[in-house]
Amino acid sequence: MKNIKIVVATIAFCILSTGAYAVPHGVVTIFHAGSLTVPMQAIEKAFEVKYPQVDVQREPSGSSKAARKITDIHKPCDIMASADYKVIDKLLRPDYTDNNIRFASNRMVLCYTDQSRFADTINEKNWMDILQRPEVVWGHSAPDLDPCGYRTLMVLQLAEKYYQRNGLAQKIIANRPDRNVRPKAVALISLLQTGNMDYAWEYRSVAVQHGLKFIEMPAEINLGDYRFDNNYATATVKVSGKKPGTFMTMTGKSITYGITLLKDAPNREAAITFLAFMLDADGGLKILKQMGQPPFVPARVSSPEMKNLLPEQLQSLVTVQQ
């Protein structure tokens, strides 16, 4: 009996000393797209109820800006979530992460309020003419900092082809002064709500979460339907590259959000626990769906090799899909 007690005590000591099965605790830092602010807030709250010893600290911003906080100023971070999974591929892999989990979709809409000029007449057939009127104030986020910004320009390019109106995109942009380009799309919401802006391009989920009115775009141009990826790919936007003074070209593709665990995550074990909750069909993915953002159930990775690189706790929550 004495020997059995010694063995049990030894096993317990080994478990505690190695951290296995330890209750997650400490701070988990997440940089995420501004468009994820509302659902991430809800996911954080639900997670902290389940794991009260973990303090999730979030920093919303444009996705590209979030990535550059990691690459340029080396700000400590456990998890980064992007409104465009390609930002993770282009700016963070392979130096800062070896994984990129695609977990949700979205589509572009044109938002407005009852205070907006021509709010009573705008529709899916005349929005492009209303945005050209000199008295109308409209804006979008900065393409170099936020995927919603370059996706706005892609939608305008695609609209020009879809409606067969040469020069349409440039005519619309000509009626948008530089001051109406903000660092992140969610910053435009307060301008809409206070009547300082008539129209702003946002993701549909953001419009729903903030109770905004919005114009739906045809699937051929709204970047929300993978079946039109070949068509979306005809739209391209040049944005800032990895290093100052360099550029990279973003090519149109159906909107896909990505999330990644950083190689140098300061609180790796707690971050893995958060991701397991985030990617659970009855956890974070359910919350996303409730807030108007279609999740991928299960979440996706691009290759078997990437799946194998994930922590074991996450592998059962993803599937391999190009």
Protein backbone atom coordinates (compact mmCIF):
# COMPACT_ATOMS: atom_id res chain seq x y z
CA MET A 1 0.00 0.00 0.00
CA LYS A 2 2.87 2.33 0.88
CA ASN A 3 4.47 1.69 -2.51
CA ILE A 4 1.20 2.47 -4.31
CA LYS A 5 0.94 5.80 -2.50
CA ILE A 6 4.49 6.65 -3.50
CA VAL A 7 3.75 5.87 -7.17
CA VAL A 8 0.54 7.95 -7.11
CA ALA A 9 2.36 10.84 -5.48
CA THR A 10 5.15 10.61 -8.05
CA ILE A 11 2.68 10.67 -10.96
CA ALA A 12 0.85 13.66 -9.46
CA PHE A 13 4.16 15.50 -9.04
CA CYS A 14 5.13 14.79 -12.65
CA ILE A 15 1.78 16.03 -13.94
CA LEU A 16 2.03 19.25 -11.97
CA SER A 17 5.69 19.83 -12.80
CA THR A 18 5.20 19.37 -16.53
CA GLY A 19 2.04 21.48 -16.65
CA ALA A 20 -0.02 18.64 -18.16
CA TYR A 21 -3.71 18.88 -17.29
CA ALA A 22 -3.01 22.15 -15.49
CA VAL A 23 -5.88 24.62 -15.34
CA PRO A 24 -5.22 27.39 -17.90
CA HIS A 25 -4.44 30.73 -16.30
CA GLY A 26 -2.86 34.09 -16.95
CA VAL A 27 -3.27 36.61 -19.76
CA VAL A 28 -4.05 35.65 -23.36
CA THR A 29 -3.38 38.51 -25.79
CA ILE A 30 -5.34 38.56 -29.05
CA PHE A 31 -4.87 40.99 -31.92
CA HIS A 32 -7.94 40.83 -34.15
CA ALA A 33 -9.77 42.51 -37.01
CA GLY A 34 -12.04 45.37 -36.03
CA SER A 35 -14.97 43.60 -37.66
CA LEU A 36 -14.61 40.82 -35.06
CA THR A 37 -14.94 43.19 -32.09
CA VAL A 38 -18.53 42.39 -31.14
CA PRO A 39 -18.38 38.59 -31.51
CA MET A 40 -14.91 38.42 -29.92
CA GLN A 41 -16.24 40.35 -26.95
CA ALA A 42 -19.01 37.78 -26.55
CA ILE A 43 -16.59 34.86 -27.04
CA GLU A 44 -14.21 36.36 -24.47
CA LYS A 45 -17.02 36.66 -21.93
CA ALA A 46 -18.21 33.08 -22.45
CA PHE A 47 -14.66 31.74 -22.32
CA GLU A 48 -13.80 33.56 -19.11
CA VAL A 49 -16.92 32.18 -17.45
CA LYS A 50 -15.66 28.69 -18.25
CA TYR A 51 -12.01 29.50 -17.47
CA PRO A 52 -12.09 32.22 -14.80
CA GLN A 53 -8.33 32.09 -14.23
CA VAL A 54 -7.67 33.34 -17.76
CA ASP A 55 -7.80 37.03 -18.65
CA VAL A 56 -8.36 37.53 -22.38
CA GLN A 57 -7.05 40.89 -23.54
CA ARG A 58 -8.03 41.94 -27.06
CA GLU A 59 -6.65 44.62 -29.36
CA PRO A 60 -8.89 45.33 -32.37
CA SER A 61 -7.48 47.07 -35.43
CA GLY A 62 -7.24 46.65 -39.16
CA SER A 63 -5.97 43.14 -39.90
CA SER A 64 -2.83 44.27 -41.71
CA LYS A 65 -2.06 46.69 -38.90
CA ALA A 66 -2.50 43.86 -36.39
CA ALA A 67 0.00 41.74 -38.30
CA ARG A 68 2.49 44.61 -38.45
CA LYS A 69 2.33 45.02 -34.68
CA ILE A 70 3.83 41.55 -34.62
CA THR A 71 6.30 41.87 -37.50
CA ASP A 72 7.44 45.50 -37.18
CA ILE A 73 7.35 46.36 -33.48
CA HIS A 74 7.43 42.78 -32.16
CA LYS A 75 4.60 43.36 -29.71
CA PRO A 76 3.91 40.20 -27.66
CA CYS A 77 0.82 38.36 -28.85
CA ASP A 78 -0.64 34.86 -28.48
CA ILE A 79 -3.30 34.80 -31.20
CA MET A 80 -3.98 36.91 -34.27
CA ALA A 81 -7.34 36.83 -36.10
CA SER A 82 -7.63 38.44 -39.54
CA ALA A 83 -10.60 39.41 -41.68
CA ASP A 84 -8.57 38.05 -44.59
CA TYR A 85 -6.70 34.82 -44.02
CA LYS A 86 -4.26 35.83 -46.76
CA VAL A 87 -2.87 38.56 -44.49
CA ILE A 88 -1.59 35.79 -42.21
CA ASP A 89 -0.07 33.95 -45.17
CA LYS A 90 1.56 37.04 -46.66
CA LEU A 91 2.78 38.81 -43.50
CA LEU A 92 3.19 36.22 -40.74
CA ARG A 93 4.08 32.89 -42.34
CA PRO A 94 6.54 31.28 -42.04
CA ASP A 95 8.56 33.45 -39.64
CA TYR A 96 5.94 34.12 -36.99
CA THR A 97 3.51 31.22 -37.36
CA ASP A 98 3.20 27.87 -39.08
CA ASN A 99 -0.61 27.69 -39.05
CA ASN A 100 -3.58 29.52 -40.53
CA ILE A 101 -7.06 28.33 -39.57
CA ARG A 102 -9.95 29.57 -41.72
CA PHE A 103 -13.01 29.86 -39.51
CA ALA A 104 -15.66 32.20 -40.98
CA SER A 105 -16.96 34.06 -44.00
CA ASN A 106 -18.72 37.38 -44.67
CA ARG A 107 -19.78 39.64 -47.51
CA MET A 108 -19.57 43.34 -48.37
CA VAL A 109 -22.54 45.70 -48.02
CA LEU A 110 -23.09 49.46 -48.27
CA CYS A 111 -24.30 50.78 -44.91
CA TYR A 112 -26.40 53.85 -44.12
CA THR A 113 -28.94 55.22 -41.62
CA ASP A 114 -32.24 57.09 -41.76
CA GLN A 115 -30.21 60.31 -41.57
CA SER A 116 -28.26 59.54 -44.75
CA ARG A 117 -28.93 61.68 -47.80
CA PHE A 118 -31.23 59.82 -50.22
CA ALA A 119 -31.88 57.12 -47.61
CA ASP A 120 -35.49 56.93 -48.81
CA THR A 121 -34.55 56.32 -52.46
CA ILE A 122 -31.28 54.37 -52.52
CA ASN A 123 -31.51 50.73 -53.60
CA GLU A 124 -29.50 47.93 -55.22
CA LYS A 125 -29.95 49.52 -58.68
CA ASN A 126 -29.00 53.15 -58.04
CA TRP A 127 -26.42 53.10 -55.21
CA MET A 128 -23.54 53.65 -57.64
CA ASP A 129 -25.16 56.87 -58.92
CA ILE A 130 -25.95 58.19 -55.45
CA LEU A 131 -22.34 57.71 -54.33
CA GLN A 132 -21.26 60.00 -57.18
CA ARG A 133 -23.45 62.91 -56.07
CA PRO A 134 -21.27 65.76 -54.72
CA GLU A 135 -23.44 66.34 -51.65
CA VAL A 136 -23.13 62.71 -50.55
CA VAL A 137 -20.44 61.84 -47.98
CA TRP A 138 -19.19 58.27 -48.13
CA GLY A 139 -16.10 56.43 -46.96
CA HIS A 140 -14.22 53.21 -46.41
CA SER A 141 -11.27 51.91 -44.43
CA ALA A 142 -7.61 52.22 -45.43
CA PRO A 143 -6.55 49.49 -47.91
CA ASP A 144 -3.03 49.36 -46.47
CA LEU A 145 -4.30 48.66 -42.95
CA ASP A 146 -7.61 46.87 -43.28
CA PRO A 147 -8.88 44.18 -45.68
CA CYS A 148 -12.31 45.84 -45.72
CA GLY A 149 -10.57 48.79 -47.38
CA TYR A 150 -9.07 46.92 -50.30
CA ARG A 151 -12.22 44.82 -50.57
CA THR A 152 -14.23 48.02 -51.03
CA LEU A 153 -12.06 48.91 -54.02
CA MET A 154 -12.49 45.38 -55.36
CA VAL A 155 -16.27 45.63 -55.13
CA LEU A 156 -16.19 48.88 -57.10
CA GLN A 157 -14.00 47.28 -59.78
CA LEU A 158 -16.34 44.31 -60.00
CA ALA A 159 -19.39 46.59 -60.13
CA GLU A 160 -17.92 48.42 -63.11
CA LYS A 161 -17.70 45.13 -65.02
CA TYR A 162 -21.00 43.72 -63.76
CA TYR A 163 -23.00 46.81 -64.74
CA GLN A 164 -20.88 47.33 -67.89
CA ARG A 165 -20.19 50.99 -67.09
CA ASN A 166 -16.67 51.97 -68.09
CA GLY A 167 -14.92 54.23 -65.60
CA LEU A 168 -17.56 53.67 -62.90
CA ALA A 169 -15.13 52.76 -60.13
CA GLN A 170 -12.94 55.82 -60.63
CA LYS A 171 -15.95 58.15 -60.86
CA ILE A 172 -17.23 56.88 -57.52
CA ILE A 173 -13.81 57.14 -55.86
CA ALA A 174 -13.40 60.68 -57.21
CA ASN A 175 -16.28 61.68 -54.94
CA ARG A 176 -14.52 60.31 -51.84
CA PRO A 177 -11.93 62.69 -50.32
CA ASP A 178 -8.93 61.21 -48.51
CA ARG A 179 -10.29 62.35 -45.13
CA ASN A 180 -13.10 59.81 -45.53
CA VAL A 181 -10.61 56.92 -45.52
CA ARG A 182 -10.24 55.71 -41.91
CA PRO A 183 -7.77 53.21 -40.40
CA LYS A 184 -10.42 50.54 -39.79
CA ALA A 185 -13.95 50.00 -41.06
CA VAL A 186 -15.64 49.95 -37.66
CA ALA A 187 -14.39 53.52 -37.07
CA LEU A 188 -16.85 54.62 -39.75
CA ILE A 189 -19.86 53.43 -37.75
CA SER A 190 -19.87 56.37 -35.34
CA LEU A 191 -19.66 58.75 -38.31
CA LEU A 192 -22.76 57.12 -39.79
CA GLN A 193 -24.63 57.12 -36.50
CA THR A 194 -23.89 60.81 -35.82
CA GLY A 195 -24.86 61.87 -39.33
CA ASN A 196 -21.34 62.95 -40.28
CA MET A 197 -21.21 60.35 -43.04
CA ASP A 198 -24.00 59.13 -45.32
CA TYR A 199 -22.65 55.78 -46.48
CA ALA A 200 -19.84 53.43 -45.56
CA TRP A 201 -18.69 50.04 -46.80
CA GLU A 202 -18.74 47.35 -44.12
CA TYR A 203 -19.08 43.62 -43.67
CA ARG A 204 -22.63 42.38 -43.41
CA SER A 205 -22.03 40.99 -39.93
CA VAL A 206 -20.93 44.43 -38.69
CA ALA A 207 -24.04 46.03 -40.17
CA VAL A 208 -26.26 43.47 -38.43
CA GLN A 209 -24.44 43.80 -35.09
CA HIS A 210 -24.79 47.59 -35.08
CA GLY A 211 -28.35 47.77 -36.39
CA LEU A 212 -27.41 49.64 -39.57
CA LYS A 213 -29.42 49.70 -42.75
CA PHE A 214 -27.57 48.31 -45.75
CA ILE A 215 -27.73 47.63 -49.47
CA GLU A 216 -27.00 44.07 -50.50
CA MET A 217 -24.79 43.66 -53.55
CA PRO A 218 -25.24 40.93 -56.18
CA ALA A 219 -23.30 37.76 -55.37
CA GLU A 220 -21.17 38.40 -58.45
CA ILE A 221 -19.58 41.43 -56.75
CA ASN A 222 -20.09 41.13 -52.95
CA LEU A 223 -17.07 38.82 -52.36
CA GLY A 224 -19.31 36.53 -50.33
CA ASP A 225 -19.80 33.48 -52.54
CA TYR A 226 -16.91 31.11 -53.32
CA ARG A 227 -18.71 30.02 -56.50
CA PHE A 228 -17.73 33.38 -58.02
CA ASP A 229 -14.07 33.23 -57.01
CA ASN A 230 -12.94 33.20 -60.65
CA ASN A 231 -14.86 36.42 -61.21
CA TYR A 232 -13.64 38.00 -57.97
CA ALA A 233 -10.06 37.26 -59.01
CA THR A 234 -10.34 39.82 -61.83
CA ALA A 235 -10.18 42.56 -59.18
CA THR A 236 -6.77 43.48 -57.75
CA VAL A 237 -5.51 46.14 -55.35
CA LYS A 238 -1.90 47.07 -54.56
CA VAL A 239 -1.16 47.55 -50.84
CA SER A 240 1.92 48.03 -48.64
CA GLY A 241 4.21 45.01 -48.40
CA LYS A 242 6.16 43.36 -45.58
CA LYS A 243 8.86 46.03 -45.58
CA PRO A 244 8.52 49.83 -45.88
CA GLY A 245 8.53 50.94 -49.48
CA THR A 246 7.50 47.54 -50.82
CA PHE A 247 4.12 46.52 -52.16
CA MET A 248 2.05 43.40 -52.67
CA THR A 249 -1.00 42.76 -54.81
CA MET A 250 -4.20 41.53 -53.19
CA THR A 251 -6.40 39.53 -55.55
CA GLY A 252 -10.16 39.26 -55.15
CA LYS A 253 -11.44 36.12 -53.46
CA SER A 254 -14.47 35.18 -51.39
CA ILE A 255 -14.12 36.66 -47.90
CA THR A 256 -12.51 34.21 -45.51
CA TYR A 257 -11.36 34.96 -41.96
CA GLY A 258 -8.24 33.35 -40.53
CA ILE A 259 -6.89 32.85 -37.02
CA THR A 260 -3.42 31.76 -35.96
CA LEU A 261 -1.43 30.74 -32.90
CA LEU A 262 1.89 32.57 -32.89
CA LYS A 263 5.14 30.62 -32.55
CA ASP A 264 6.31 32.83 -29.68
CA ALA A 265 2.96 32.99 -27.88
CA PRO A 266 3.76 34.11 -24.30
CA ASN A 267 0.94 32.00 -22.82
CA ARG A 268 0.79 29.15 -25.30
CA GLU A 269 -1.20 26.62 -23.26
CA ALA A 270 -3.98 29.06 -22.33
CA ALA A 271 -4.02 30.34 -25.93
CA ILE A 272 -4.52 26.77 -27.19
CA THR A 273 -7.42 26.37 -24.75
CA PHE A 274 -8.96 29.59 -26.08
CA LEU A 275 -8.62 28.43 -29.68
CA ALA A 276 -10.22 25.10 -28.78
CA PHE A 277 -13.20 27.03 -27.39
CA MET A 278 -13.23 29.44 -30.33
CA LEU A 279 -13.29 26.64 -32.92
CA ASP A 280 -15.90 24.52 -31.13
CA ALA A 281 -19.21 24.27 -33.00
CA ASP A 282 -21.00 24.82 -29.67
CA GLY A 283 -18.59 27.53 -28.53
CA GLY A 284 -17.11 30.41 -30.51
CA LEU A 285 -18.44 29.28 -33.90
CA LYS A 286 -21.97 29.21 -32.49
CA ILE A 287 -21.57 32.75 -31.18
CA LEU A 288 -20.35 33.94 -34.58
CA LYS A 289 -23.42 32.45 -36.26
CA GLN A 290 -25.73 34.10 -33.74
CA MET A 291 -24.14 37.45 -34.60
CA GLY A 292 -24.69 37.24 -38.33
CA GLN A 293 -21.31 35.89 -39.38
CA PRO A 294 -21.35 32.49 -41.13
CA PRO A 295 -18.76 30.16 -39.54
CA PHE A 296 -17.02 27.23 -41.18
CA VAL A 297 -18.02 24.11 -39.26
CA PRO A 298 -15.54 22.57 -38.94
CA ALA A 299 -12.85 25.18 -39.42
CA ARG A 300 -10.37 24.58 -42.25
CA VAL A 301 -6.65 24.35 -42.88
CA SER A 302 -5.02 24.11 -46.28
CA SER A 303 -3.01 20.89 -45.96
CA PRO A 304 -2.47 17.72 -43.92
CA GLU A 305 0.98 19.07 -43.04
CA MET A 306 -0.50 22.20 -41.48
CA LYS A 307 -3.05 20.15 -39.56
CA ASN A 308 -0.26 17.99 -38.14
CA LEU A 309 1.61 21.10 -37.01
CA LEU A 310 -1.34 22.22 -34.90
CA PRO A 311 -1.42 21.38 -31.19
CA GLU A 312 -3.10 18.02 -30.68
CA GLN A 313 -5.99 19.67 -28.86
CA LEU A 314 -6.94 21.55 -32.04
CA GLN A 315 -6.47 18.90 -34.69
CA SER A 316 -9.89 17.31 -34.22
CA LEU A 317 -11.55 20.72 -34.66
CA VAL A 318 -10.32 21.34 -38.21
CA THR A 319 -10.59 19.67 -41.57
CA VAL A 320 -8.24 19.85 -44.54
CA GLN A 321 -9.69 21.81 -47.44
CA GLN A 322 -8.06 23.95 -50.11
